[in-house]
Amino acid sequence: TESAQMSCTISRQHAQEKNCNNSFVTGNKTVKLETIPEHENSKCHIACTSMSRAQSESLLVTPTISALM
């Protein structure tokens, strides 16, 4: 039987770039809902969220939009 793991997709995507390594990056077999707000407020998650948001915004800027700006 495979046990469930809790992880953060955004933190996993950007962990290497932001040098983050915690249980939400590697996968946490101890699923506790009270740890989610702690992770959301962690430096790792905030940095990774900022990186993800910046990448998403840069994808929305096409050459035409850039010229108009």
N, C-alpha and C. Protein backbone atom coordinates (compact mmCIF):
# COMPACT_ATOMS: atom_id res chain seq x y z
N THR A 1 0.84 -1.18 0.00
CA THR A 1 0.00 0.00 0.00
C THR A 1 0.88 1.24 0.00
N GLU A 2 0.59 2.17 -0.87
CA GLU A 2 1.34 3.42 -0.96
C GLU A 2 0.71 4.44 -0.02
N SER A 3 1.53 5.05 0.82
CA SER A 3 0.99 6.03 1.76
C SER A 3 0.93 7.41 1.11
N ALA A 4 -0.02 8.19 1.55
CA ALA A 4 -0.21 9.54 1.01
C ALA A 4 0.91 10.46 1.50
N GLN A 5 1.28 11.39 0.64
CA GLN A 5 2.27 12.40 1.00
C GLN A 5 1.70 13.77 0.71
N MET A 6 2.05 14.71 1.57
CA MET A 6 1.63 16.09 1.38
C MET A 6 2.85 16.88 0.92
N SER A 7 2.68 17.69 -0.13
CA SER A 7 3.77 18.54 -0.60
C SER A 7 3.17 19.81 -1.20
N CYS A 8 4.04 20.75 -1.50
CA CYS A 8 3.62 22.03 -2.09
C CYS A 8 4.16 22.11 -3.51
N THR A 9 3.28 22.16 -4.47
CA THR A 9 3.67 22.18 -5.87
C THR A 9 4.55 23.38 -6.19
N ILE A 10 4.17 24.55 -5.73
CA ILE A 10 4.95 25.75 -6.03
C ILE A 10 6.34 25.66 -5.40
N SER A 11 6.42 25.23 -4.16
CA SER A 11 7.72 25.10 -3.51
C SER A 11 8.58 24.04 -4.19
N ARG A 12 7.96 22.96 -4.62
CA ARG A 12 8.72 21.90 -5.31
C ARG A 12 9.27 22.41 -6.64
N GLN A 13 8.49 23.21 -7.35
CA GLN A 13 8.93 23.71 -8.65
C GLN A 13 10.12 24.66 -8.55
N HIS A 14 10.19 25.43 -7.49
CA HIS A 14 11.20 26.48 -7.38
C HIS A 14 12.19 26.28 -6.24
N ALA A 15 12.15 25.15 -5.58
CA ALA A 15 12.99 24.91 -4.40
C ALA A 15 14.48 25.01 -4.72
N GLN A 16 14.89 24.44 -5.84
CA GLN A 16 16.30 24.44 -6.18
C GLN A 16 16.80 25.86 -6.45
N GLU A 17 16.01 26.66 -7.17
CA GLU A 17 16.39 28.04 -7.47
C GLU A 17 16.49 28.88 -6.21
N LYS A 18 15.65 28.61 -5.23
CA LYS A 18 15.61 29.39 -4.01
C LYS A 18 16.32 28.70 -2.84
N ASN A 19 16.99 27.59 -3.14
CA ASN A 19 17.75 26.84 -2.15
C ASN A 19 16.89 26.47 -0.93
N CYS A 20 15.72 25.94 -1.20
CA CYS A 20 14.80 25.53 -0.14
C CYS A 20 14.79 24.01 -0.05
N ASN A 21 14.72 23.52 1.15
CA ASN A 21 14.58 22.09 1.34
C ASN A 21 13.84 21.86 2.65
N ASN A 22 12.58 21.52 2.55
CA ASN A 22 11.80 21.20 3.74
C ASN A 22 10.82 20.08 3.40
N SER A 23 10.01 19.69 4.35
CA SER A 23 9.13 18.54 4.14
C SER A 23 8.06 18.80 3.08
N PHE A 24 7.77 20.06 2.79
CA PHE A 24 6.79 20.35 1.73
C PHE A 24 7.43 20.28 0.35
N VAL A 25 8.75 20.28 0.30
CA VAL A 25 9.48 20.12 -0.95
C VAL A 25 9.74 18.63 -1.20
N THR A 26 10.19 17.93 -0.19
CA THR A 26 10.54 16.52 -0.35
C THR A 26 9.34 15.59 -0.26
N GLY A 27 8.26 16.05 0.35
CA GLY A 27 7.07 15.23 0.55
C GLY A 27 6.98 14.82 2.00
N ASN A 28 5.85 15.06 2.59
CA ASN A 28 5.65 14.84 4.02
C ASN A 28 4.64 13.72 4.22
N LYS A 29 5.08 12.63 4.81
CA LYS A 29 4.17 11.50 5.05
C LYS A 29 3.26 11.72 6.26
N THR A 30 3.63 12.67 7.12
CA THR A 30 2.81 13.00 8.28
C THR A 30 1.89 14.15 7.88
N VAL A 31 0.70 13.81 7.46
CA VAL A 31 -0.24 14.81 6.97
C VAL A 31 -0.94 15.47 8.15
N LYS A 32 -0.56 16.72 8.43
CA LYS A 32 -1.18 17.49 9.51
C LYS A 32 -1.62 18.83 8.94
N LEU A 33 -2.90 19.09 8.98
CA LEU A 33 -3.42 20.32 8.39
C LEU A 33 -2.86 21.58 9.05
N GLU A 34 -2.51 21.51 10.33
CA GLU A 34 -2.00 22.70 11.01
C GLU A 34 -0.63 23.12 10.51
N THR A 35 0.07 22.26 9.77
CA THR A 35 1.38 22.65 9.23
C THR A 35 1.27 23.46 7.94
N ILE A 36 0.10 23.46 7.32
CA ILE A 36 -0.08 24.18 6.06
C ILE A 36 0.09 25.69 6.25
N PRO A 37 -0.59 26.33 7.20
CA PRO A 37 -0.37 27.77 7.38
C PRO A 37 1.08 28.11 7.75
N GLU A 38 1.73 27.24 8.51
CA GLU A 38 3.13 27.45 8.85
C GLU A 38 3.98 27.48 7.58
N HIS A 39 3.72 26.54 6.67
CA HIS A 39 4.47 26.50 5.41
C HIS A 39 4.15 27.72 4.55
N GLU A 40 2.87 28.07 4.46
CA GLU A 40 2.48 29.22 3.64
C GLU A 40 3.17 30.50 4.08
N ASN A 41 3.50 30.62 5.37
CA ASN A 41 4.16 31.81 5.90
C ASN A 41 5.68 31.67 5.98
N SER A 42 6.20 30.53 5.51
CA SER A 42 7.65 30.30 5.57
C SER A 42 8.38 31.10 4.49
N LYS A 43 9.64 31.41 4.76
CA LYS A 43 10.47 32.15 3.79
C LYS A 43 10.56 31.38 2.47
N CYS A 44 10.67 30.07 2.57
CA CYS A 44 10.78 29.23 1.38
C CYS A 44 9.54 29.39 0.49
N HIS A 45 8.37 29.22 1.06
CA HIS A 45 7.14 29.29 0.27
C HIS A 45 6.92 30.69 -0.30
N ILE A 46 7.19 31.71 0.49
CA ILE A 46 7.02 33.09 0.02
C ILE A 46 7.96 33.37 -1.15
N ALA A 47 9.21 32.94 -1.05
CA ALA A 47 10.17 33.14 -2.13
C ALA A 47 9.76 32.37 -3.38
N CYS A 48 9.32 31.15 -3.20
CA CYS A 48 8.92 30.32 -4.35
C CYS A 48 7.65 30.87 -5.00
N THR A 49 6.72 31.37 -4.20
CA THR A 49 5.50 31.97 -4.73
C THR A 49 5.83 33.21 -5.54
N SER A 50 6.75 34.02 -5.04
CA SER A 50 7.18 35.22 -5.78
C SER A 50 7.81 34.84 -7.11
N MET A 51 8.64 33.80 -7.11
CA MET A 51 9.28 33.32 -8.33
C MET A 51 8.23 32.83 -9.32
N SER A 52 7.26 32.08 -8.85
CA SER A 52 6.21 31.56 -9.70
C SER A 52 5.38 32.69 -10.29
N ARG A 53 5.03 33.66 -9.47
CA ARG A 53 4.24 34.80 -9.92
C ARG A 53 5.00 35.61 -10.97
N ALA A 54 6.28 35.83 -10.76
CA ALA A 54 7.11 36.58 -11.71
C ALA A 54 7.19 35.86 -13.05
N GLN A 55 7.34 34.55 -13.01
CA GLN A 55 7.39 33.78 -14.25
C GLN A 55 6.05 33.84 -14.98
N SER A 56 4.96 33.76 -14.25
CA SER A 56 3.63 33.82 -14.87
C SER A 56 3.39 35.18 -15.51
N GLU A 57 3.79 36.23 -14.83
CA GLU A 57 3.60 37.58 -15.36
C GLU A 57 4.46 37.81 -16.58
N SER A 58 5.68 37.27 -16.60
CA SER A 58 6.55 37.48 -17.75
C SER A 58 6.03 36.75 -18.98
N LEU A 59 5.29 35.67 -18.77
CA LEU A 59 4.70 34.95 -19.90
C LEU A 59 3.55 35.73 -20.53
N LEU A 60 2.92 36.60 -19.76
CA LEU A 60 1.80 37.37 -20.26
C LEU A 60 2.22 38.58 -21.10
N VAL A 61 3.48 38.97 -21.01
CA VAL A 61 3.96 40.14 -21.72
C VAL A 61 4.49 39.69 -23.09
N THR A 62 3.71 39.93 -24.10
CA THR A 62 4.12 39.61 -25.47
C THR A 62 4.91 40.79 -26.04
N PRO A 63 5.61 40.62 -27.15
CA PRO A 63 6.33 41.75 -27.75
C PRO A 63 5.43 42.94 -28.05
N THR A 64 4.20 42.69 -28.46
CA THR A 64 3.27 43.78 -28.76
C THR A 64 2.90 44.54 -27.48
N ILE A 65 2.59 43.80 -26.44
CA ILE A 65 2.26 44.43 -25.16
C ILE A 65 3.46 45.21 -24.63
N SER A 66 4.63 44.60 -24.78
CA SER A 66 5.85 45.26 -24.31
C SER A 66 6.07 46.58 -25.06
N ALA A 67 5.84 46.60 -26.37
CA ALA A 67 6.01 47.81 -27.16
C ALA A 67 5.01 48.89 -26.75
N LEU A 68 3.80 48.47 -26.40
CA LEU A 68 2.78 49.43 -25.98
C LEU A 68 3.07 50.01 -24.60
N MET A 69 3.80 49.27 -23.80
CA MET A 69 4.10 49.74 -22.45
C MET A 69 5.17 50.80 -22.53
